[in-house]
């Protein structure tokens, strides 16, 4: 059985597909069929195009790096807290 390869679309193609879907007759399925792509792919591109841009362009590169590091740290601390909660509950149950 032959393995299917995944198609890769350029950002320009995606922008054009979104433009066509928005300016078309409102039938996303027909637009996707005309372009030869899956309707869920086109809907995903439309959703991403309508999402607001993050505030990162206003941050300096060092601020971006610090923000990413802080987010990683927060995720790690939350995970550690959950582990400690479970451990405390386990030991509380054992001491009864």
N, C-alpha and C. Protein backbone atom coordinates (compact mmCIF):
# COMPACT_ATOMS: atom_id res chain seq x y z
N UNK A 1 0.84 -1.18 0.00
CA UNK A 1 0.00 0.00 0.00
C UNK A 1 0.88 1.24 0.00
N UNK A 2 0.56 2.16 -0.84
CA UNK A 2 1.37 3.36 -0.99
C UNK A 2 1.03 4.37 0.11
N UNK A 3 2.05 4.94 0.70
CA UNK A 3 1.85 5.94 1.75
C UNK A 3 1.56 7.29 1.10
N UNK A 4 0.55 7.97 1.62
CA UNK A 4 0.18 9.28 1.07
C UNK A 4 1.13 10.34 1.60
N UNK A 5 1.48 11.27 0.73
CA UNK A 5 2.34 12.37 1.16
C UNK A 5 1.47 13.57 1.48
N UNK A 6 1.94 14.34 2.42
CA UNK A 6 1.20 15.52 2.85
C UNK A 6 1.57 16.71 1.98
N UNK A 7 0.56 17.38 1.48
CA UNK A 7 0.82 18.56 0.65
C UNK A 7 1.16 19.75 1.54
N UNK A 8 2.05 20.59 1.04
CA UNK A 8 2.46 21.79 1.76
C UNK A 8 2.05 22.99 0.91
N UNK A 9 1.35 23.93 1.53
CA UNK A 9 0.88 25.12 0.84
C UNK A 9 1.68 26.33 1.29
N UNK A 10 1.97 27.21 0.35
CA UNK A 10 2.71 28.43 0.68
C UNK A 10 1.79 29.40 1.41
N UNK A 11 2.36 30.31 2.18
CA UNK A 11 1.52 31.32 2.84
C UNK A 11 0.73 32.17 1.84
N UNK A 12 1.31 32.43 0.68
CA UNK A 12 0.62 33.22 -0.33
C UNK A 12 -0.62 32.48 -0.83
N UNK A 13 -0.49 31.17 -1.03
CA UNK A 13 -1.61 30.36 -1.48
C UNK A 13 -2.73 30.39 -0.44
N UNK A 14 -2.36 30.29 0.83
CA UNK A 14 -3.35 30.30 1.90
C UNK A 14 -4.09 31.63 1.95
N UNK A 15 -3.34 32.72 1.81
CA UNK A 15 -3.96 34.06 1.83
C UNK A 15 -4.93 34.20 0.67
N UNK A 16 -4.53 33.74 -0.49
CA UNK A 16 -5.40 33.82 -1.67
C UNK A 16 -6.63 32.95 -1.50
N UNK A 17 -6.48 31.77 -0.93
CA UNK A 17 -7.62 30.88 -0.69
C UNK A 17 -8.60 31.52 0.29
N UNK A 18 -8.08 32.14 1.32
CA UNK A 18 -8.95 32.82 2.30
C UNK A 18 -9.67 33.98 1.63
N UNK A 19 -8.96 34.72 0.80
CA UNK A 19 -9.59 35.85 0.09
C UNK A 19 -10.72 35.36 -0.80
N UNK A 20 -10.47 34.28 -1.52
CA UNK A 20 -11.51 33.71 -2.39
C UNK A 20 -12.71 33.23 -1.58
N UNK A 21 -12.46 32.62 -0.44
CA UNK A 21 -13.55 32.12 0.39
C UNK A 21 -14.38 33.26 0.96
N UNK A 22 -13.72 34.35 1.31
CA UNK A 22 -14.44 35.49 1.88
C UNK A 22 -15.23 36.25 0.83
N UNK A 23 -14.66 36.38 -0.37
CA UNK A 23 -15.34 37.16 -1.41
C UNK A 23 -16.27 36.32 -2.26
N UNK A 24 -16.27 35.01 -2.06
CA UNK A 24 -17.11 34.12 -2.85
C UNK A 24 -18.57 34.24 -2.46
N UNK A 25 -19.36 33.28 -2.91
CA UNK A 25 -20.80 33.30 -2.67
C UNK A 25 -21.17 32.84 -1.26
N UNK A 26 -20.19 32.62 -0.42
CA UNK A 26 -20.44 32.19 0.95
C UNK A 26 -20.42 30.69 1.12
N UNK A 27 -20.23 29.97 0.04
CA UNK A 27 -20.19 28.51 0.11
C UNK A 27 -18.73 28.07 0.21
N UNK A 28 -18.28 27.83 1.43
CA UNK A 28 -16.89 27.46 1.68
C UNK A 28 -16.58 26.10 1.06
N UNK A 29 -17.54 25.18 1.12
CA UNK A 29 -17.32 23.85 0.58
C UNK A 29 -17.05 23.91 -0.93
N UNK A 30 -17.81 24.74 -1.63
CA UNK A 30 -17.62 24.86 -3.08
C UNK A 30 -16.27 25.48 -3.40
N UNK A 31 -15.87 26.48 -2.62
CA UNK A 31 -14.57 27.11 -2.83
C UNK A 31 -13.45 26.11 -2.59
N UNK A 32 -13.56 25.34 -1.52
CA UNK A 32 -12.54 24.33 -1.22
C UNK A 32 -12.47 23.29 -2.33
N UNK A 33 -13.62 22.86 -2.83
CA UNK A 33 -13.66 21.89 -3.92
C UNK A 33 -13.00 22.45 -5.17
N UNK A 34 -13.28 23.71 -5.48
CA UNK A 34 -12.67 24.37 -6.65
C UNK A 34 -11.15 24.45 -6.52
N UNK A 35 -10.67 24.67 -5.30
CA UNK A 35 -9.23 24.78 -5.07
C UNK A 35 -8.56 23.41 -4.93
N UNK A 36 -9.34 22.38 -4.75
CA UNK A 36 -8.79 21.03 -4.61
C UNK A 36 -8.23 20.75 -3.23
N UNK A 37 -8.81 21.41 -2.21
CA UNK A 37 -8.37 21.19 -0.84
C UNK A 37 -9.56 20.74 -0.01
N UNK A 38 -9.28 20.22 1.16
CA UNK A 38 -10.32 19.76 2.07
C UNK A 38 -11.03 20.96 2.68
N UNK A 39 -12.34 20.84 2.88
CA UNK A 39 -13.12 21.95 3.42
C UNK A 39 -12.67 22.30 4.84
N UNK A 40 -12.27 21.30 5.63
CA UNK A 40 -11.82 21.60 6.99
C UNK A 40 -10.49 22.36 6.96
N UNK A 41 -9.68 22.11 5.97
CA UNK A 41 -8.42 22.85 5.83
C UNK A 41 -8.72 24.32 5.57
N UNK A 42 -9.65 24.58 4.65
CA UNK A 42 -10.00 25.97 4.33
C UNK A 42 -10.64 26.65 5.54
N UNK A 43 -11.49 25.94 6.26
CA UNK A 43 -12.11 26.54 7.46
C UNK A 43 -11.05 26.88 8.51
N UNK A 44 -10.06 26.02 8.64
CA UNK A 44 -8.97 26.28 9.58
C UNK A 44 -8.21 27.54 9.16
N UNK A 45 -7.93 27.67 7.88
CA UNK A 45 -7.22 28.86 7.40
C UNK A 45 -8.06 30.12 7.64
N UNK A 46 -9.37 30.02 7.42
CA UNK A 46 -10.26 31.17 7.67
C UNK A 46 -10.25 31.54 9.14
N UNK A 47 -10.29 30.54 9.99
CA UNK A 47 -10.29 30.79 11.44
C UNK A 47 -8.98 31.47 11.85
N UNK A 48 -7.86 30.96 11.35
CA UNK A 48 -6.57 31.56 11.70
C UNK A 48 -6.44 32.97 11.15
N UNK A 49 -7.01 33.23 9.99
CA UNK A 49 -6.92 34.57 9.40
C UNK A 49 -7.75 35.59 10.19
N UNK A 50 -8.83 35.12 10.81
CA UNK A 50 -9.69 36.04 11.56
C UNK A 50 -9.22 36.23 13.00
N UNK A 51 -8.29 35.40 13.46
CA UNK A 51 -7.79 35.51 14.83
C UNK A 51 -6.92 36.76 14.96
N UNK A 52 -7.01 37.44 16.10
CA UNK A 52 -6.18 38.63 16.29
C UNK A 52 -4.70 38.28 16.37
N UNK A 53 -3.88 39.15 15.88
CA UNK A 53 -2.43 38.95 15.93
C UNK A 53 -1.94 39.13 17.36
N UNK A 54 -0.97 38.34 17.79
CA UNK A 54 -0.44 38.51 19.15
C UNK A 54 0.32 39.83 19.28
N UNK A 55 0.54 40.26 20.50
CA UNK A 55 1.19 41.53 20.77
C UNK A 55 2.71 41.47 20.65
N UNK A 56 3.27 40.37 20.19
CA UNK A 56 4.71 40.22 20.14
C UNK A 56 5.43 41.28 19.33
N UNK A 57 4.88 41.82 18.23
CA UNK A 57 5.66 42.80 17.46
C UNK A 57 6.06 44.04 18.26
N UNK A 58 5.33 44.36 19.34
CA UNK A 58 5.67 45.54 20.12
C UNK A 58 6.76 45.25 21.15
N UNK A 59 7.12 43.99 21.32
CA UNK A 59 8.15 43.64 22.29
C UNK A 59 9.51 43.56 21.62
N UNK A 60 10.52 43.88 22.40
CA UNK A 60 11.88 43.74 21.89
C UNK A 60 12.25 42.26 21.89
N UNK A 61 13.28 41.88 21.15
CA UNK A 61 13.67 40.47 21.12
C UNK A 61 14.00 39.91 22.50
N UNK A 62 14.65 40.70 23.34
CA UNK A 62 14.97 40.21 24.69
C UNK A 62 13.70 40.04 25.52
N UNK A 63 12.73 40.93 25.34
CA UNK A 63 11.46 40.81 26.06
C UNK A 63 10.69 39.58 25.60
N UNK A 64 10.72 39.31 24.30
CA UNK A 64 10.07 38.11 23.78
C UNK A 64 10.68 36.86 24.40
N UNK A 65 12.00 36.83 24.45
CA UNK A 65 12.70 35.68 25.02
C UNK A 65 12.34 35.51 26.49
N UNK A 66 12.31 36.62 27.22
CA UNK A 66 11.97 36.55 28.64
C UNK A 66 10.52 36.08 28.84
N UNK A 67 9.61 36.57 28.01
CA UNK A 67 8.22 36.16 28.10
C UNK A 67 8.06 34.67 27.85
N UNK A 68 8.73 34.16 26.83
CA UNK A 68 8.68 32.73 26.55
C UNK A 68 9.25 31.91 27.70
N UNK A 69 10.36 32.36 28.28
CA UNK A 69 10.96 31.65 29.40
C UNK A 69 10.03 31.67 30.61
N UNK A 70 9.39 32.80 30.87
CA UNK A 70 8.46 32.89 32.00
C UNK A 70 7.26 31.98 31.80
N UNK A 71 6.77 31.90 30.58
CA UNK A 71 5.65 31.00 30.30
C UNK A 71 6.04 29.54 30.53
N UNK A 72 7.26 29.18 30.12
CA UNK A 72 7.74 27.82 30.37
C UNK A 72 7.83 27.55 31.87
N UNK A 73 8.35 28.54 32.62
CA UNK A 73 8.48 28.39 34.06
C UNK A 73 7.12 28.22 34.73
N UNK A 74 6.14 29.01 34.31
CA UNK A 74 4.80 28.92 34.88
C UNK A 74 4.21 27.54 34.61
N UNK A 75 4.38 27.04 33.40
CA UNK A 75 3.86 25.71 33.07
C UNK A 75 4.51 24.64 33.95
N UNK A 76 5.81 24.76 34.15
CA UNK A 76 6.53 23.79 34.99
C UNK A 76 6.04 23.88 36.44
N UNK A 77 5.88 25.08 36.95
CA UNK A 77 5.42 25.25 38.33
C UNK A 77 4.01 24.70 38.52
N UNK A 78 3.15 24.89 37.54
CA UNK A 78 1.79 24.35 37.63
C UNK A 78 1.83 22.83 37.66
N UNK A 79 2.67 22.24 36.84
CA UNK A 79 2.79 20.79 36.82
C UNK A 79 3.31 20.29 38.17
N UNK A 80 4.32 20.95 38.72
CA UNK A 80 4.87 20.55 40.01
C UNK A 80 3.82 20.67 41.12
N UNK A 81 3.03 21.73 41.06
CA UNK A 81 1.99 21.93 42.07
C UNK A 81 0.96 20.80 42.02
N UNK A 82 0.57 20.39 40.80
CA UNK A 82 -0.39 19.30 40.67
C UNK A 82 0.18 17.99 41.22
N UNK A 83 1.46 17.76 40.96
CA UNK A 83 2.10 16.54 41.49
C UNK A 83 2.11 16.57 43.01
N UNK A 84 2.43 17.73 43.59
CA UNK A 84 2.45 17.85 45.05
C UNK A 84 1.07 17.67 45.65
N UNK A 85 0.04 18.18 44.98
CA UNK A 85 -1.33 17.99 45.47
C UNK A 85 -1.68 16.51 45.51
N UNK A 86 -1.33 15.80 44.43
CA UNK A 86 -1.64 14.38 44.37
C UNK A 86 -0.86 13.60 45.43
N UNK A 87 0.39 13.99 45.64
CA UNK A 87 1.21 13.32 46.65
C UNK A 87 0.64 13.57 48.05
N UNK A 88 0.23 14.80 48.33
CA UNK A 88 -0.35 15.11 49.63
C UNK A 88 -1.63 14.33 49.86
N UNK A 89 -2.45 14.21 48.84
CA UNK A 89 -3.69 13.45 48.96
C UNK A 89 -3.38 11.97 49.19
N UNK A 90 -2.39 11.47 48.50
CA UNK A 90 -1.99 10.06 48.66
C UNK A 90 -1.53 9.78 50.08
N UNK A 91 -0.65 10.62 50.60
CA UNK A 91 -0.12 10.41 51.94
C UNK A 91 -1.16 10.65 53.02
N UNK A 92 -2.10 11.57 52.75
CA UNK A 92 -3.18 11.79 53.71
C UNK A 92 -4.07 10.56 53.79
N UNK A 93 -4.30 9.92 52.66
CA UNK A 93 -5.11 8.71 52.61
C UNK A 93 -4.38 7.55 53.31
N UNK A 94 -3.06 7.47 53.15
CA UNK A 94 -2.26 6.41 53.75
C UNK A 94 -2.20 6.52 55.27
N UNK A 95 -2.23 7.73 55.81
CA UNK A 95 -2.08 7.93 57.25
C UNK A 95 -3.37 7.60 58.02
N UNK A 96 -4.48 7.41 57.36
CA UNK A 96 -5.74 7.10 58.04
C UNK A 96 -5.79 5.69 58.50
